[in-house]
Amino acid sequence: KETVSRMIELYCRKKHRRKQLCEECAELKNYAHTRLSLCPFGEEKGACSNCSVHCYKPEYRTKIKAVMRY
């Protein structure tokens, strides 16, 4: 959760030119935290891209991929 939070914060700061998270990035962060909390693999989970269970909705998967690529 810490890693995804920092990545979203960095992305928002650089791409959206904000010191605080914009509404869209805050929503993505909350969604990611919720999905990570519900992950059946828990602390043993690897990278989402290698996972057999895709728990993100397609819309959010696209957004988080953009953040991670950045």
PDB file of N, CA and C in Angstrom:
ATOM      1  N   LYS A   1       0.830  -1.192   0.000  1.00  0.00           N
ATOM      2  CA  LYS A   1       0.000   0.000   0.000  1.00  0.00           C
ATOM      3  C   LYS A   1       0.870   1.248   0.000  1.00  0.00           C
ATOM      4  N   GLU A   2       1.972   1.179   0.720  1.00  0.00           N
ATOM      5  CA  GLU A   2       2.881   2.327   0.772  1.00  0.00           C
ATOM      6  C   GLU A   2       3.486   2.604  -0.604  1.00  0.00           C
ATOM      7  N   THR A   3       3.866   1.544  -1.291  1.00  0.00           N
ATOM      8  CA  THR A   3       4.478   1.696  -2.617  1.00  0.00           C
ATOM      9  C   THR A   3       3.494   2.311  -3.606  1.00  0.00           C
ATOM     10  N   VAL A   4       2.283   1.773  -3.660  1.00  0.00           N
ATOM     11  CA  VAL A   4       1.300   2.299  -4.614  1.00  0.00           C
ATOM     12  C   VAL A   4       0.933   3.736  -4.252  1.00  0.00           C
ATOM     13  N   SER A   5       0.873   4.053  -2.976  1.00  0.00           N
ATOM     14  CA  SER A   5       0.566   5.424  -2.546  1.00  0.00           C
ATOM     15  C   SER A   5       1.632   6.394  -3.039  1.00  0.00           C
ATOM     16  N   ARG A   6       2.877   6.017  -2.836  1.00  0.00           N
ATOM     17  CA  ARG A   6       3.979   6.904  -3.260  1.00  0.00           C
ATOM     18  C   ARG A   6       4.016   7.063  -4.771  1.00  0.00           C
ATOM     19  N   MET A   7       3.736   5.991  -5.483  1.00  0.00           N
ATOM     20  CA  MET A   7       3.752   6.079  -6.943  1.00  0.00           C
ATOM     21  C   MET A   7       2.634   6.979  -7.460  1.00  0.00           C
ATOM     22  N   ILE A   8       1.457   6.868  -6.878  1.00  0.00           N
ATOM     23  CA  ILE A   8       0.333   7.724  -7.280  1.00  0.00           C
ATOM     24  C   ILE A   8       0.631   9.179  -6.931  1.00  0.00           C
ATOM     25  N   GLU A   9       1.213   9.420  -5.762  1.00  0.00           N
ATOM     26  CA  GLU A   9       1.556  10.788  -5.357  1.00  0.00           C
ATOM     27  C   GLU A   9       2.588  11.401  -6.304  1.00  0.00           C
ATOM     28  N   LEU A  10       3.605  10.631  -6.656  1.00  0.00           N
ATOM     29  CA  LEU A  10       4.627  11.117  -7.591  1.00  0.00           C
ATOM     30  C   LEU A  10       4.009  11.412  -8.957  1.00  0.00           C
ATOM     31  N   TYR A  11       3.189  10.493  -9.437  1.00  0.00           N
ATOM     32  CA  TYR A  11       2.521  10.659 -10.726  1.00  0.00           C
ATOM     33  C   TYR A  11       1.684  11.940 -10.744  1.00  0.00           C
ATOM     34  N   CYS A  12       0.882  12.129  -9.705  1.00  0.00           N
ATOM     35  CA  CYS A  12      -0.001  13.294  -9.647  1.00  0.00           C
ATOM     36  C   CYS A  12       0.808  14.595  -9.576  1.00  0.00           C
ATOM     37  N   ARG A  13       1.871  14.577  -8.757  1.00  0.00           N
ATOM     38  CA  ARG A  13       2.703  15.767  -8.604  1.00  0.00           C
ATOM     39  C   ARG A  13       3.328  16.176  -9.938  1.00  0.00           C
ATOM     40  N   LYS A  14       3.808  15.194 -10.695  1.00  0.00           N
ATOM     41  CA  LYS A  14       4.505  15.494 -11.951  1.00  0.00           C
ATOM     42  C   LYS A  14       3.549  15.686 -13.138  1.00  0.00           C
ATOM     43  N   LYS A  15       2.538  14.846 -13.241  1.00  0.00           N
ATOM     44  CA  LYS A  15       1.637  14.911 -14.389  1.00  0.00           C
ATOM     45  C   LYS A  15       0.552  15.967 -14.243  1.00  0.00           C
ATOM     46  N   HIS A  16       0.008  16.100 -13.044  1.00  0.00           N
ATOM     47  CA  HIS A  16      -1.094  17.034 -12.824  1.00  0.00           C
ATOM     48  C   HIS A  16      -0.641  18.328 -12.156  1.00  0.00           C
ATOM     49  N   ARG A  17       0.666  18.392 -11.879  1.00  0.00           N
ATOM     50  CA  ARG A  17       1.287  19.601 -11.309  1.00  0.00           C
ATOM     51  C   ARG A  17       0.578  20.056 -10.027  1.00  0.00           C
ATOM     52  N   ARG A  18       0.422  19.108  -9.113  1.00  0.00           N
ATOM     53  CA  ARG A  18      -0.249  19.399  -7.845  1.00  0.00           C
ATOM     54  C   ARG A  18       0.634  18.992  -6.679  1.00  0.00           C
ATOM     55  N   LYS A  19       0.536  19.726  -5.579  1.00  0.00           N
ATOM     56  CA  LYS A  19       1.239  19.334  -4.361  1.00  0.00           C
ATOM     57  C   LYS A  19       0.396  18.348  -3.565  1.00  0.00           C
ATOM     58  N   GLN A  20      -0.914  18.489  -3.640  1.00  0.00           N
ATOM     59  CA  GLN A  20      -1.855  17.577  -3.005  1.00  0.00           C
ATOM     60  C   GLN A  20      -2.480  16.719  -4.114  1.00  0.00           C
ATOM     61  N   LEU A  21      -2.911  15.524  -3.752  1.00  0.00           N
ATOM     62  CA  LEU A  21      -3.539  14.660  -4.751  1.00  0.00           C
ATOM     63  C   LEU A  21      -4.799  15.309  -5.307  1.00  0.00           C
ATOM     64  N   CYS A  22      -4.951  15.247  -6.628  1.00  0.00           N
ATOM     65  CA  CYS A  22      -6.185  15.715  -7.241  1.00  0.00           C
ATOM     66  C   CYS A  22      -7.285  14.696  -6.933  1.00  0.00           C
ATOM     67  N   GLU A  23      -8.503  15.033  -7.240  1.00  0.00           N
ATOM     68  CA  GLU A  23      -9.636  14.165  -6.926  1.00  0.00           C
ATOM     69  C   GLU A  23      -9.517  12.803  -7.618  1.00  0.00           C
ATOM     70  N   GLU A  24      -9.117  12.810  -8.871  1.00  0.00           N
ATOM     71  CA  GLU A  24      -8.994  11.563  -9.637  1.00  0.00           C
ATOM     72  C   GLU A  24      -7.928  10.643  -9.036  1.00  0.00           C
ATOM     73  N   CYS A  25      -6.781  11.206  -8.675  1.00  0.00           N
ATOM     74  CA  CYS A  25      -5.707  10.395  -8.110  1.00  0.00           C
ATOM     75  C   CYS A  25      -6.033   9.932  -6.690  1.00  0.00           C
ATOM     76  N   ALA A  26      -6.717  10.760  -5.931  1.00  0.00           N
ATOM     77  CA  ALA A  26      -7.146  10.361  -4.587  1.00  0.00           C
ATOM     78  C   ALA A  26      -8.115   9.196  -4.668  1.00  0.00           C
ATOM     79  N   GLU A  27      -9.021   9.234  -5.652  1.00  0.00           N
ATOM     80  CA  GLU A  27      -9.975   8.145  -5.852  1.00  0.00           C
ATOM     81  C   GLU A  27      -9.244   6.859  -6.239  1.00  0.00           C
ATOM     82  N   LEU A  28      -8.251   6.977  -7.126  1.00  0.00           N
ATOM     83  CA  LEU A  28      -7.466   5.814  -7.537  1.00  0.00           C
ATOM     84  C   LEU A  28      -6.713   5.219  -6.346  1.00  0.00           C
ATOM     85  N   LYS A  29      -6.140   6.068  -5.527  1.00  0.00           N
ATOM     86  CA  LYS A  29      -5.410   5.609  -4.332  1.00  0.00           C
ATOM     87  C   LYS A  29      -6.351   4.867  -3.376  1.00  0.00           C
ATOM     88  N   ASN A  30      -7.517   5.429  -3.128  1.00  0.00           N
ATOM     89  CA  ASN A  30      -8.484   4.767  -2.252  1.00  0.00           C
ATOM     90  C   ASN A  30      -8.932   3.427  -2.823  1.00  0.00           C
ATOM     91  N   TYR A  31      -9.159   3.397  -4.122  1.00  0.00           N
ATOM     92  CA  TYR A  31      -9.577   2.163  -4.786  1.00  0.00           C
ATOM     93  C   TYR A  31      -8.474   1.105  -4.668  1.00  0.00           C
ATOM     94  N   ALA A  32      -7.238   1.501  -4.932  1.00  0.00           N
ATOM     95  CA  ALA A  32      -6.110   0.571  -4.858  1.00  0.00           C
ATOM     96  C   ALA A  32      -5.955   0.015  -3.446  1.00  0.00           C
ATOM     97  N   HIS A  33      -6.089   0.869  -2.449  1.00  0.00           N
ATOM     98  CA  HIS A  33      -5.974   0.414  -1.056  1.00  0.00           C
ATOM     99  C   HIS A  33      -7.084  -0.574  -0.714  1.00  0.00           C
ATOM    100  N   THR A  34      -8.292  -0.304  -1.177  1.00  0.00           N
ATOM    101  CA  THR A  34      -9.408  -1.207  -0.921  1.00  0.00           C
ATOM    102  C   THR A  34      -9.153  -2.559  -1.567  1.00  0.00           C
ATOM    103  N   ARG A  35      -8.722  -2.542  -2.826  1.00  0.00           N
ATOM    104  CA  ARG A  35      -8.483  -3.796  -3.540  1.00  0.00           C
ATOM    105  C   ARG A  35      -7.339  -4.583  -2.898  1.00  0.00           C
ATOM    106  N   LEU A  36      -6.287  -3.886  -2.476  1.00  0.00           N
ATOM    107  CA  LEU A  36      -5.168  -4.571  -1.826  1.00  0.00           C
ATOM    108  C   LEU A  36      -5.598  -5.184  -0.490  1.00  0.00           C
ATOM    109  N   SER A  37      -6.468  -4.511   0.217  1.00  0.00           N
ATOM    110  CA  SER A  37      -6.970  -5.035   1.494  1.00  0.00           C
ATOM    111  C   SER A  37      -7.779  -6.305   1.298  1.00  0.00           C
ATOM    112  N   LEU A  38      -8.435  -6.412   0.157  1.00  0.00           N
ATOM    113  CA  LEU A  38      -9.293  -7.568  -0.132  1.00  0.00           C
ATOM    114  C   LEU A  38      -8.580  -8.673  -0.917  1.00  0.00           C
ATOM    115  N   CYS A  39      -7.312  -8.472  -1.225  1.00  0.00           N
ATOM    116  CA  CYS A  39      -6.566  -9.441  -2.038  1.00  0.00           C
ATOM    117  C   CYS A  39      -6.486 -10.781  -1.309  1.00  0.00           C
ATOM    118  N   PRO A  40      -6.872 -11.860  -1.992  1.00  0.00           N
ATOM    119  CA  PRO A  40      -6.846 -13.181  -1.350  1.00  0.00           C
ATOM    120  C   PRO A  40      -5.433 -13.679  -1.045  1.00  0.00           C
ATOM    121  N   PHE A  41      -4.415 -13.101  -1.653  1.00  0.00           N
ATOM    122  CA  PHE A  41      -3.043 -13.537  -1.434  1.00  0.00           C
ATOM    123  C   PHE A  41      -2.370 -12.804  -0.277  1.00  0.00           C
ATOM    124  N   GLY A  42      -2.981 -11.735   0.185  1.00  0.00           N
ATOM    125  CA  GLY A  42      -2.472 -10.990   1.345  1.00  0.00           C
ATOM    126  C   GLY A  42      -1.039 -10.532   1.175  1.00  0.00           C
ATOM    127  N   GLU A  43      -0.260 -10.686   2.232  1.00  0.00           N
ATOM    128  CA  GLU A  43       1.134 -10.236   2.235  1.00  0.00           C
ATOM    129  C   GLU A  43       2.018 -11.055   1.291  1.00  0.00           C
ATOM    130  N   GLU A  44       1.564 -12.213   0.887  1.00  0.00           N
ATOM    131  CA  GLU A  44       2.342 -13.102   0.016  1.00  0.00           C
ATOM    132  C   GLU A  44       2.199 -12.748  -1.463  1.00  0.00           C
ATOM    133  N   LYS A  45       1.411 -11.739  -1.766  1.00  0.00           N
ATOM    134  CA  LYS A  45       1.109 -11.409  -3.155  1.00  0.00           C
ATOM    135  C   LYS A  45       2.331 -10.883  -3.890  1.00  0.00           C
ATOM    136  N   GLY A  46       2.404 -11.224  -5.152  1.00  0.00           N
ATOM    137  CA  GLY A  46       3.460 -10.709  -6.019  1.00  0.00           C
ATOM    138  C   GLY A  46       2.928  -9.510  -6.786  1.00  0.00           C
ATOM    139  N   ALA A  47       3.526  -9.232  -7.923  1.00  0.00           N
ATOM    140  CA  ALA A  47       3.093  -8.110  -8.758  1.00  0.00           C
ATOM    141  C   ALA A  47       1.723  -8.401  -9.371  1.00  0.00           C
ATOM    142  N   CYS A  48       0.897  -7.398  -9.445  1.00  0.00           N
ATOM    143  CA  CYS A  48      -0.451  -7.560 -10.010  1.00  0.00           C
ATOM    144  C   CYS A  48      -0.393  -8.045 -11.460  1.00  0.00           C
ATOM    145  N   SER A  49       0.622  -7.603 -12.196  1.00  0.00           N
ATOM    146  CA  SER A  49       0.722  -8.000 -13.608  1.00  0.00           C
ATOM    147  C   SER A  49       0.948  -9.502 -13.761  1.00  0.00           C
ATOM    148  N   ASN A  50       1.482 -10.151 -12.726  1.00  0.00           N
ATOM    149  CA  ASN A  50       1.734 -11.597 -12.772  1.00  0.00           C
ATOM    150  C   ASN A  50       0.645 -12.398 -12.065  1.00  0.00           C
ATOM    151  N   CYS A  51      -0.378 -11.740 -11.606  1.00  0.00           N
ATOM    152  CA  CYS A  51      -1.409 -12.373 -10.798  1.00  0.00           C
ATOM    153  C   CYS A  51      -2.443 -13.106 -11.661  1.00  0.00           C
ATOM    154  N   SER A  52      -2.935 -14.216 -11.148  1.00  0.00           N
ATOM    155  CA  SER A  52      -3.962 -14.972 -11.864  1.00  0.00           C
ATOM    156  C   SER A  52      -5.360 -14.412 -11.605  1.00  0.00           C
ATOM    157  N   VAL A  53      -5.497 -13.586 -10.575  1.00  0.00           N
ATOM    158  CA  VAL A  53      -6.773 -12.974 -10.210  1.00  0.00           C
ATOM    159  C   VAL A  53      -6.668 -11.472 -10.449  1.00  0.00           C
ATOM    160  N   HIS A  54      -7.479 -10.942 -11.341  1.00  0.00           N
ATOM    161  CA  HIS A  54      -7.455  -9.503 -11.605  1.00  0.00           C
ATOM    162  C   HIS A  54      -8.607  -8.858 -10.849  1.00  0.00           C
ATOM    163  N   CYS A  55      -8.286  -8.149  -9.778  1.00  0.00           N
ATOM    164  CA  CYS A  55      -9.335  -7.612  -8.908  1.00  0.00           C
ATOM    165  C   CYS A  55      -9.679  -6.153  -9.228  1.00  0.00           C
ATOM    166  N   TYR A  56      -8.945  -5.522 -10.137  1.00  0.00           N
ATOM    167  CA  TYR A  56      -9.248  -4.149 -10.528  1.00  0.00           C
ATOM    168  C   TYR A  56     -10.262  -4.165 -11.666  1.00  0.00           C
ATOM    169  N   LYS A  57     -11.200  -3.233 -11.644  1.00  0.00           N
ATOM    170  CA  LYS A  57     -12.100  -3.048 -12.780  1.00  0.00           C
ATOM    171  C   LYS A  57     -11.249  -2.555 -13.945  1.00  0.00           C
ATOM    172  N   PRO A  58     -11.649  -2.850 -15.193  1.00  0.00           N
ATOM    173  CA  PRO A  58     -10.839  -2.445 -16.356  1.00  0.00           C
ATOM    174  C   PRO A  58     -10.481  -0.959 -16.364  1.00  0.00           C
ATOM    175  N   GLU A  59     -11.402  -0.103 -15.974  1.00  0.00           N
ATOM    176  CA  GLU A  59     -11.152   1.343 -15.952  1.00  0.00           C
ATOM    177  C   GLU A  59      -9.996   1.687 -15.006  1.00  0.00           C
ATOM    178  N   TYR A  60     -10.005   1.098 -13.830  1.00  0.00           N
ATOM    179  CA  TYR A  60      -8.964   1.368 -12.849  1.00  0.00           C
ATOM    180  C   TYR A  60      -7.660   0.663 -13.219  1.00  0.00           C
ATOM    181  N   ARG A  61      -7.764  -0.478 -13.855  1.00  0.00           N
ATOM    182  CA  ARG A  61      -6.556  -1.185 -14.289  1.00  0.00           C
ATOM    183  C   ARG A  61      -5.786  -0.331 -15.287  1.00  0.00           C
ATOM    184  N   THR A  62      -6.496   0.319 -16.192  1.00  0.00           N
ATOM    185  CA  THR A  62      -5.865   1.207 -17.167  1.00  0.00           C
ATOM    186  C   THR A  62      -5.178   2.376 -16.469  1.00  0.00           C
ATOM    187  N   LYS A  63      -5.855   2.949 -15.487  1.00  0.00           N
ATOM    188  CA  LYS A  63      -5.286   4.090 -14.758  1.00  0.00           C
ATOM    189  C   LYS A  63      -4.050   3.694 -13.971  1.00  0.00           C
ATOM    190  N   ILE A  64      -4.097   2.582 -13.265  1.00  0.00           N
ATOM    191  CA  ILE A  64      -2.957   2.185 -12.438  1.00  0.00           C
ATOM    192  C   ILE A  64      -1.783   1.774 -13.303  1.00  0.00           C
ATOM    193  N   LYS A  65      -2.048   1.209 -14.493  1.00  0.00           N
ATOM    194  CA  LYS A  65      -0.973   0.869 -15.418  1.00  0.00           C
ATOM    195  C   LYS A  65      -0.237   2.136 -15.856  1.00  0.00           C
ATOM    196  N   ALA A  66      -0.990   3.194 -16.134  1.00  0.00           N
ATOM    197  CA  ALA A  66      -0.370   4.465 -16.542  1.00  0.00           C
ATOM    198  C   ALA A  66       0.508   5.003 -15.422  1.00  0.00           C
ATOM    199  N   VAL A  67       0.032   4.910 -14.188  1.00  0.00           N
ATOM    200  CA  VAL A  67       0.804   5.379 -13.040  1.00  0.00           C
ATOM    201  C   VAL A  67       2.085   4.556 -12.907  1.00  0.00           C
ATOM    202  N   MET A  68       1.957   3.253 -12.976  1.00  0.00           N
ATOM    203  CA  MET A  68       3.114   2.376 -12.793  1.00  0.00           C
ATOM    204  C   MET A  68       4.142   2.544 -13.917  1.00  0.00           C
ATOM    205  N   ARG A  69       3.671   2.761 -15.124  1.00  0.00           N
ATOM    206  CA  ARG A  69       4.604   2.966 -16.239  1.00  0.00           C
ATOM    207  C   ARG A  69       5.375   4.257 -16.090  1.00  0.00           C
ATOM    208  N   TYR A  70       4.694   5.272 -15.560  1.00  0.00           N
ATOM    209  CA  TYR A  70       5.349   6.561 -15.390  1.00  0.00           C
ATOM    210  C   TYR A  70       6.499   6.439 -14.395  1.00  0.00           C
TER     211      TYR A  70
END
